[in-house]
C-alpha atoms as a PDB file:
ATOM      1  CA  MET A   1       7.530   5.676  17.294  1.00  0.00           C
ATOM      2  CA  LYS A   2      10.439   5.362  14.923  1.00  0.00           C
ATOM      3  CA  ILE A   3      10.197   3.010  11.942  1.00  0.00           C
ATOM      4  CA  THR A   4      12.997   0.926  13.403  1.00  0.00           C
ATOM      5  CA  ASP A   5      10.965   0.444  16.602  1.00  0.00           C
ATOM      6  CA  TYR A   6       8.271  -1.537  14.796  1.00  0.00           C
ATOM      7  CA  ASN A   7      10.365  -4.672  14.091  1.00  0.00           C
ATOM      8  CA  GLY A   8       9.218  -4.847  10.496  1.00  0.00           C
ATOM      9  CA  GLU A   9      10.415  -7.388   7.949  1.00  0.00           C
ATOM     10  CA  TRP A  10      10.611  -7.681   4.193  1.00  0.00           C
ATOM     11  CA  LEU A  11       8.423  -9.729   1.927  1.00  0.00           C
ATOM     12  CA  ASN A  12      10.629 -10.008  -1.167  1.00  0.00           C
ATOM     13  CA  ALA A  13      13.333  -7.548  -0.154  1.00  0.00           C
ATOM     14  CA  PRO A  14      14.695  -5.449  -3.038  1.00  0.00           C
ATOM     15  CA  GLU A  15      18.394  -5.573  -3.775  1.00  0.00           C
ATOM     16  CA  VAL A  16      18.762  -1.874  -2.983  1.00  0.00           C
ATOM     17  CA  TYR A  17      17.124  -0.275   0.056  1.00  0.00           C
ATOM     18  CA  ASP A  18      17.812   1.837   3.128  1.00  0.00           C
ATOM     19  CA  ILE A  19      15.845   1.882   6.379  1.00  0.00           C
ATOM     20  CA  SER A  20      16.325   4.665   8.929  1.00  0.00           C
ATOM     21  CA  ASP A  21      14.371   5.823  11.972  1.00  0.00           C
ATOM     22  CA  GLU A  22      12.348   8.195   9.764  1.00  0.00           C
ATOM     23  CA  TYR A  23      12.003   6.626   6.322  1.00  0.00           C
ATOM     24  CA  ILE A  24      12.371   3.656   4.001  1.00  0.00           C
ATOM     25  CA  HIS A  25      14.042   4.210   0.651  1.00  0.00           C
ATOM     26  CA  LEU A  26      14.009   1.435  -1.949  1.00  0.00           C
ATOM     27  CA  MET A  27      14.655   0.686  -5.611  1.00  0.00           C
ATOM     28  CA  THR A  28      12.227  -1.740  -7.247  1.00  0.00           C
ATOM     29  CA  GLN A  29      13.278  -4.653  -9.375  1.00  0.00           C
ATOM     30  CA  PRO A  30      11.686  -5.443 -12.762  1.00  0.00           C
ATOM     31  CA  GLN A  31       8.908  -8.029 -13.182  1.00  0.00           C
ATOM     32  CA  THR A  32       7.606  -7.654  -9.610  1.00  0.00           C
ATOM     33  CA  ASP A  33       3.912  -7.543  -8.762  1.00  0.00           C
ATOM     34  CA  PHE A  34       1.059  -8.530  -6.435  1.00  0.00           C
ATOM     35  CA  TRP A  35      -1.996 -10.096  -8.104  1.00  0.00           C
ATOM     36  CA  GLN A  36      -4.075 -13.262  -7.790  1.00  0.00           C
ATOM     37  CA  LYS A  37      -5.916 -15.058 -10.612  1.00  0.00           C
ATOM     38  CA  THR A  38      -8.845 -12.807 -11.554  1.00  0.00           C
ATOM     39  CA  ASN A  39      -9.217 -12.365 -15.324  1.00  0.00           C
ATOM     40  CA  TYR A  40      -5.526 -12.889 -16.140  1.00  0.00           C
ATOM     41  CA  GLY A  41      -5.214 -16.287 -14.479  1.00  0.00           C
ATOM     42  CA  TYR A  42      -1.682 -15.734 -13.233  1.00  0.00           C
ATOM     43  CA  ARG A  43      -0.518 -15.428  -9.639  1.00  0.00           C
ATOM     44  CA  ARG A  44       2.072 -12.869  -8.556  1.00  0.00           C
ATOM     45  CA  ASN A  45       3.438 -12.454  -5.050  1.00  0.00           C
ATOM     46  CA  THR A  46       6.803 -10.960  -5.973  1.00  0.00           C
ATOM     47  CA  GLY A  47       6.411  -7.261  -5.159  1.00  0.00           C
ATOM     48  CA  HIS A  48       8.517  -5.618  -2.450  1.00  0.00           C
ATOM     49  CA  ALA A  49       6.709  -5.028   0.858  1.00  0.00           C
ATOM     50  CA  TYR A  50       8.036  -3.904   4.235  1.00  0.00           C
ATOM     51  CA  LEU A  51       5.568  -5.152   6.825  1.00  0.00           C
ATOM     52  CA  LEU A  52       4.959  -4.688  10.528  1.00  0.00           C
ATOM     53  CA  PRO A  53       3.329  -7.456  12.594  1.00  0.00           C
ATOM     54  CA  ILE A  54       0.155  -6.003  14.135  1.00  0.00           C
ATOM     55  CA  GLU A  55      -1.388  -7.419  17.296  1.00  0.00           C
ATOM     56  CA  LYS A  56      -3.933  -4.675  17.995  1.00  0.00           C
ATOM     57  CA  ASP A  57      -7.592  -5.438  17.278  1.00  0.00           C
ATOM     58  CA  ASP A  58      -8.509  -1.964  16.031  1.00  0.00           C
ATOM     59  CA  PHE A  59      -6.242   0.895  14.960  1.00  0.00           C
ATOM     60  CA  THR A  60      -5.509   3.714  12.527  1.00  0.00           C
ATOM     61  CA  TYR A  61      -2.293   3.695  10.487  1.00  0.00           C
ATOM     62  CA  ASP A  62      -0.764   6.589   8.536  1.00  0.00           C
ATOM     63  CA  VAL A  63       2.046   6.680   5.978  1.00  0.00           C
ATOM     64  CA  ARG A  64       3.280   8.941   3.176  1.00  0.00           C
ATOM     65  CA  VAL A  65       4.595   7.397  -0.051  1.00  0.00           C
ATOM     66  CA  SER A  66       6.628   9.284  -2.667  1.00  0.00           C
ATOM     67  CA  PHE A  67       7.716   7.947  -6.054  1.00  0.00           C
ATOM     68  CA  LYS A  68       7.911   8.647  -9.777  1.00  0.00           C
ATOM     69  CA  GLY A  69       7.264   5.610 -11.940  1.00  0.00           C
ATOM     70  CA  LYS A  70       8.938   5.084 -15.282  1.00  0.00           C
ATOM     71  CA  GLU A  71       6.826   2.450 -17.016  1.00  0.00           C
ATOM     72  CA  LEU A  72       3.186   1.395 -17.212  1.00  0.00           C
ATOM     73  CA  TYR A  73       1.867  -0.142 -13.946  1.00  0.00           C
ATOM     74  CA  ASP A  74       4.787   1.062 -11.787  1.00  0.00           C
ATOM     75  CA  GLN A  75       3.171   1.483  -8.368  1.00  0.00           C
ATOM     76  CA  ALA A  76       3.844   2.217  -4.702  1.00  0.00           C
ATOM     77  CA  GLY A  77       1.630   2.656  -1.674  1.00  0.00           C
ATOM     78  CA  LEU A  78       0.057   1.127   1.404  1.00  0.00           C
ATOM     79  CA  PHE A  79      -0.065  -2.650   1.926  1.00  0.00           C
ATOM     80  CA  LEU A  80      -2.152  -4.838   4.253  1.00  0.00           C
ATOM     81  CA  TYR A  81      -1.128  -8.500   4.250  1.00  0.00           C
ATOM     82  CA  PHE A  82      -2.329 -11.712   5.882  1.00  0.00           C
ATOM     83  CA  ASP A  83      -1.031 -14.269   3.398  1.00  0.00           C
ATOM     84  CA  GLU A  84      -0.628 -14.778  -0.343  1.00  0.00           C
ATOM     85  CA  GLU A  85      -4.388 -15.128  -0.845  1.00  0.00           C
ATOM     86  CA  ASN A  86      -5.644 -12.401   1.506  1.00  0.00           C
ATOM     87  CA  TRP A  87      -4.301  -8.859   1.270  1.00  0.00           C
ATOM     88  CA  ALA A  88      -5.059  -5.319   0.125  1.00  0.00           C
ATOM     89  CA  LYS A  89      -3.092  -2.505  -1.453  1.00  0.00           C
ATOM     90  CA  ALA A  90      -3.748   1.156  -2.260  1.00  0.00           C
ATOM     91  CA  SER A  91      -1.404   3.110  -4.471  1.00  0.00           C
ATOM     92  CA  LEU A  92      -0.548   5.588  -7.134  1.00  0.00           C
ATOM     93  CA  GLU A  93       0.146   3.763 -10.369  1.00  0.00           C
ATOM     94  CA  THR A  94       1.654   4.884 -13.648  1.00  0.00           C
ATOM     95  CA  GLY A  95      -0.958   4.771 -16.403  1.00  0.00           C
ATOM     96  CA  LEU A  96      -1.005   5.403 -20.138  1.00  0.00           C
ATOM     97  CA  ASN A  97       0.671   8.539 -21.495  1.00  0.00           C
ATOM     98  CA  ASP A  98       2.472   9.126 -18.175  1.00  0.00           C
ATOM     99  CA  SER A  99      -0.795   9.624 -16.284  1.00  0.00           C
ATOM    100  CA  LEU A 100      -1.091   8.715 -12.593  1.00  0.00           C
ATOM    101  CA  MET A 101      -3.957   6.550 -11.384  1.00  0.00           C
ATOM    102  CA  LEU A 102      -5.121   6.312  -7.787  1.00  0.00           C
ATOM    103  CA  GLY A 103      -6.578   2.905  -7.042  1.00  0.00           C
ATOM    104  CA  SER A 104      -6.747  -0.163  -4.866  1.00  0.00           C
ATOM    105  CA  VAL A 105      -6.813  -3.953  -4.980  1.00  0.00           C
ATOM    106  CA  VAL A 106      -8.441  -6.230  -2.417  1.00  0.00           C
ATOM    107  CA  THR A 107      -7.590  -9.931  -2.616  1.00  0.00           C
ATOM    108  CA  CYS A 108      -9.804 -12.356  -0.721  1.00  0.00           C
ATOM    109  CA  SER A 109      -9.574 -16.168  -0.797  1.00  0.00           C
ATOM    110  CA  GLY A 110      -7.125 -16.051  -3.678  1.00  0.00           C
ATOM    111  CA  TYR A 111      -8.933 -13.671  -6.052  1.00  0.00           C
ATOM    112  CA  SER A 112      -8.021 -10.034  -6.669  1.00  0.00           C
ATOM    113  CA  ASP A 113     -10.212  -7.149  -7.723  1.00  0.00           C
ATOM    114  CA  TRP A 114      -9.002  -3.826  -9.114  1.00  0.00           C
ATOM    115  CA  ALA A 115     -10.739  -0.505  -8.492  1.00  0.00           C
ATOM    116  CA  LEU A 116      -9.475   2.738  -9.987  1.00  0.00           C
ATOM    117  CA  ALA A 117     -10.641   5.949  -8.345  1.00  0.00           C
ATOM    118  CA  PHE A 118      -9.433   8.554 -10.836  1.00  0.00           C
ATOM    119  CA  GLU A 119      -6.400  10.000 -12.585  1.00  0.00           C
ATOM    120  CA  LEU A 120      -4.191  12.558 -10.871  1.00  0.00           C
ATOM    121  CA  LYS A 121      -1.999  15.241 -12.385  1.00  0.00           C
ATOM    122  CA  PRO A 122       1.402  13.892 -13.487  1.00  0.00           C
ATOM    123  CA  CYS A 123       3.130  16.479 -11.263  1.00  0.00           C
ATOM    124  CA  ILE A 124       1.860  14.720  -8.116  1.00  0.00           C
ATOM    125  CA  SER A 125       4.529  12.340  -6.849  1.00  0.00           C
ATOM    126  CA  GLU A 126       3.528  11.763  -3.232  1.00  0.00           C
ATOM    127  CA  ILE A 127       0.362  10.886  -1.374  1.00  0.00           C
ATOM    128  CA  TYR A 128      -0.678  10.286   2.234  1.00  0.00           C
ATOM    129  CA  TYR A 129      -2.616   7.135   3.116  1.00  0.00           C
ATOM    130  CA  ARG A 130      -4.659   6.390   6.218  1.00  0.00           C
ATOM    131  CA  LEU A 131      -5.985   2.927   7.035  1.00  0.00           C
ATOM    132  CA  HIS A 132      -8.600   2.285   9.723  1.00  0.00           C
ATOM    133  CA  LYS A 133      -9.293  -1.239  11.027  1.00  0.00           C
ATOM    134  CA  LYS A 134     -12.458  -2.017  12.981  1.00  0.00           C
ATOM    135  CA  ASP A 135     -12.919  -5.742  13.591  1.00  0.00           C
ATOM    136  CA  HIS A 136     -12.843  -7.245  10.064  1.00  0.00           C
ATOM    137  CA  ASP A 137     -13.806  -3.988   8.343  1.00  0.00           C
ATOM    138  CA  TYR A 138     -11.288  -1.592   6.802  1.00  0.00           C
ATOM    139  CA  LEU A 139     -11.383   1.948   5.476  1.00  0.00           C
ATOM    140  CA  ILE A 140      -8.597   3.439   3.335  1.00  0.00           C
ATOM    141  CA  GLU A 141      -8.359   7.204   2.928  1.00  0.00           C
ATOM    142  CA  TYR A 142      -5.954   9.361   0.955  1.00  0.00           C
ATOM    143  CA  SER A 143      -4.723  12.947   1.108  1.00  0.00           C
ATOM    144  CA  ILE A 144      -2.611  15.135  -1.136  1.00  0.00           C
ATOM    145  CA  ASP A 145      -1.567  17.541   1.625  1.00  0.00           C
ATOM    146  CA  GLY A 146      -1.659  15.299   4.711  1.00  0.00           C
ATOM    147  CA  THR A 147      -4.495  17.334   6.225  1.00  0.00           C
ATOM    148  CA  GLN A 148      -7.693  16.848   4.247  1.00  0.00           C
ATOM    149  CA  TYR A 149      -8.503  13.140   3.743  1.00  0.00           C
ATOM    150  CA  SER A 150     -11.051  11.529   1.420  1.00  0.00           C
ATOM    151  CA  GLU A 151     -12.371   7.981   1.270  1.00  0.00           C
ATOM    152  CA  LEU A 152     -10.729   5.660  -1.239  1.00  0.00           C
ATOM    153  CA  ARG A 153     -12.039   2.229  -0.316  1.00  0.00           C
ATOM    154  CA  MET A 154     -14.089   0.420   2.324  1.00  0.00           C
ATOM    155  CA  PHE A 155     -13.892  -3.389   2.425  1.00  0.00           C
ATOM    156  CA  HIS A 156     -14.154  -6.527   4.549  1.00  0.00           C
ATOM    157  CA  LEU A 157     -11.553  -9.275   5.015  1.00  0.00           C
ATOM    158  CA  PRO A 158     -12.751 -12.194   7.187  1.00  0.00           C
ATOM    159  CA  VAL A 159      -9.257 -13.257   8.284  1.00  0.00           C
ATOM    160  CA  ASP A 160      -8.275 -13.300  11.956  1.00  0.00           C
ATOM    161  CA  LYS A 161      -4.603 -14.142  12.334  1.00  0.00           C
ATOM    162  CA  GLY A 162      -1.281 -13.008  10.955  1.00  0.00           C
ATOM    163  CA  LEU A 163      -2.032  -9.385  10.085  1.00  0.00           C
ATOM    164  CA  LYS A 164       0.930  -7.379   8.826  1.00  0.00           C
ATOM    165  CA  LEU A 165       0.836  -3.787   7.679  1.00  0.00           C
ATOM    166  CA  GLY A 166       3.193  -1.463   5.871  1.00  0.00           C
ATOM    167  CA  ILE A 167       4.206  -0.272   2.427  1.00  0.00           C
ATOM    168  CA  TYR A 168       4.924  -1.822  -0.943  1.00  0.00           C
ATOM    169  CA  ALA A 169       6.323  -0.993  -4.375  1.00  0.00           C
ATOM    170  CA  CYS A 170       6.595  -3.020  -7.558  1.00  0.00           C
ATOM    171  CA  SER A 171       7.397  -2.820 -11.263  1.00  0.00           C
ATOM    172  CA  PRO A 172       5.262  -5.368 -13.170  1.00  0.00           C
ATOM    173  CA  MET A 173       6.955  -4.482 -16.460  1.00  0.00           C
ATOM    174  CA  ASP A 174      10.651  -4.166 -17.292  1.00  0.00           C
ATOM    175  CA  SER A 175      11.226  -1.171 -15.053  1.00  0.00           C
ATOM    176  CA  SER A 176      12.881   0.043 -11.878  1.00  0.00           C
ATOM    177  CA  PHE A 177      12.186   3.178  -9.846  1.00  0.00           C
ATOM    178  CA  GLU A 178      12.895   4.778  -6.464  1.00  0.00           C
ATOM    179  CA  ALA A 179      10.288   5.099  -3.704  1.00  0.00           C
ATOM    180  CA  ILE A 180      10.404   6.738  -0.283  1.00  0.00           C
ATOM    181  CA  MET A 181       7.991   5.992   2.573  1.00  0.00           C
ATOM    182  CA  ASP A 182       7.834   8.113   5.722  1.00  0.00           C
ATOM    183  CA  HIS A 183       5.452   9.761   8.245  1.00  0.00           C
ATOM    184  CA  TRP A 184       4.613   6.371   9.788  1.00  0.00           C
ATOM    185  CA  LYS A 185       2.142   6.427  12.651  1.00  0.00           C
ATOM    186  CA  LEU A 186       0.166   3.663  14.368  1.00  0.00           C
ATOM    187  CA  GLN A 187      -2.485   4.994  16.756  1.00  0.00           C
ATOM    188  CA  PRO A 188      -5.835   4.170  18.379  1.00  0.00           C
ATOM    189  CA  LEU A 189      -8.773   3.817  16.012  1.00  0.00           C
ATOM    190  CA  LYS A 190      -9.958   7.149  14.524  1.00  0.00           C
ATOM    191  CA  TRP A 191     -12.718   5.760  12.277  1.00  0.00           C
ATOM    192  CA  ASN A 192     -15.953   7.716  12.873  1.00  0.00           C
ATOM    193  CA  GLU A 193     -13.982  10.120  15.010  1.00  0.00           C
ATOM    194  CA  ASP A 194     -11.908  11.803  12.288  1.00  0.00           C
ATOM    195  CA  THR A 195     -14.059  10.633   9.351  1.00  0.00           C
ATOM    196  CA  HIS A 196     -17.610  11.298   8.252  1.00  0.00           C
ATOM    197  CA  ILE A 197     -18.248   7.641   7.415  1.00  0.00           C
END
């Protein structure tokens, strides 16, 4: 299916973006983020996310995200969203000394966690994500080449209604960068079929 066939909608649309049949191109705005309470106390639901309403019980979703951040915490990746207090994201994120961190955040009942997998070489600017949903359980995988996938995060979200799925990008600091999302695919569940988990 084409991206335009999915009837997606913006959560906090950026001022500059372009949506075609094959890709989404956007420019983030400064001081945008997704985070809830934990440790810092503040609540942020201002990042840019393009989301598709999902009615299927179980599925596998693929997307490729390309970007080059400019400031600390610039990030772009996959986004799973029920409401402000229940969501998950997986992304590349700009770290200290221009490093790139691969990580994820799961927010449940209004509290976020933050798990960093490892640092990637600064020359890497795009990554493939694959999300599997089986009942209330989720598995996020990542790939550098779009062929060989590795596990990033397995988690549980006990929410039943209002699932939306797509991509996000945000600039928590005073920054702005370009991101491109393409290779969208929503298909029958591949968990345990294409994975070893």
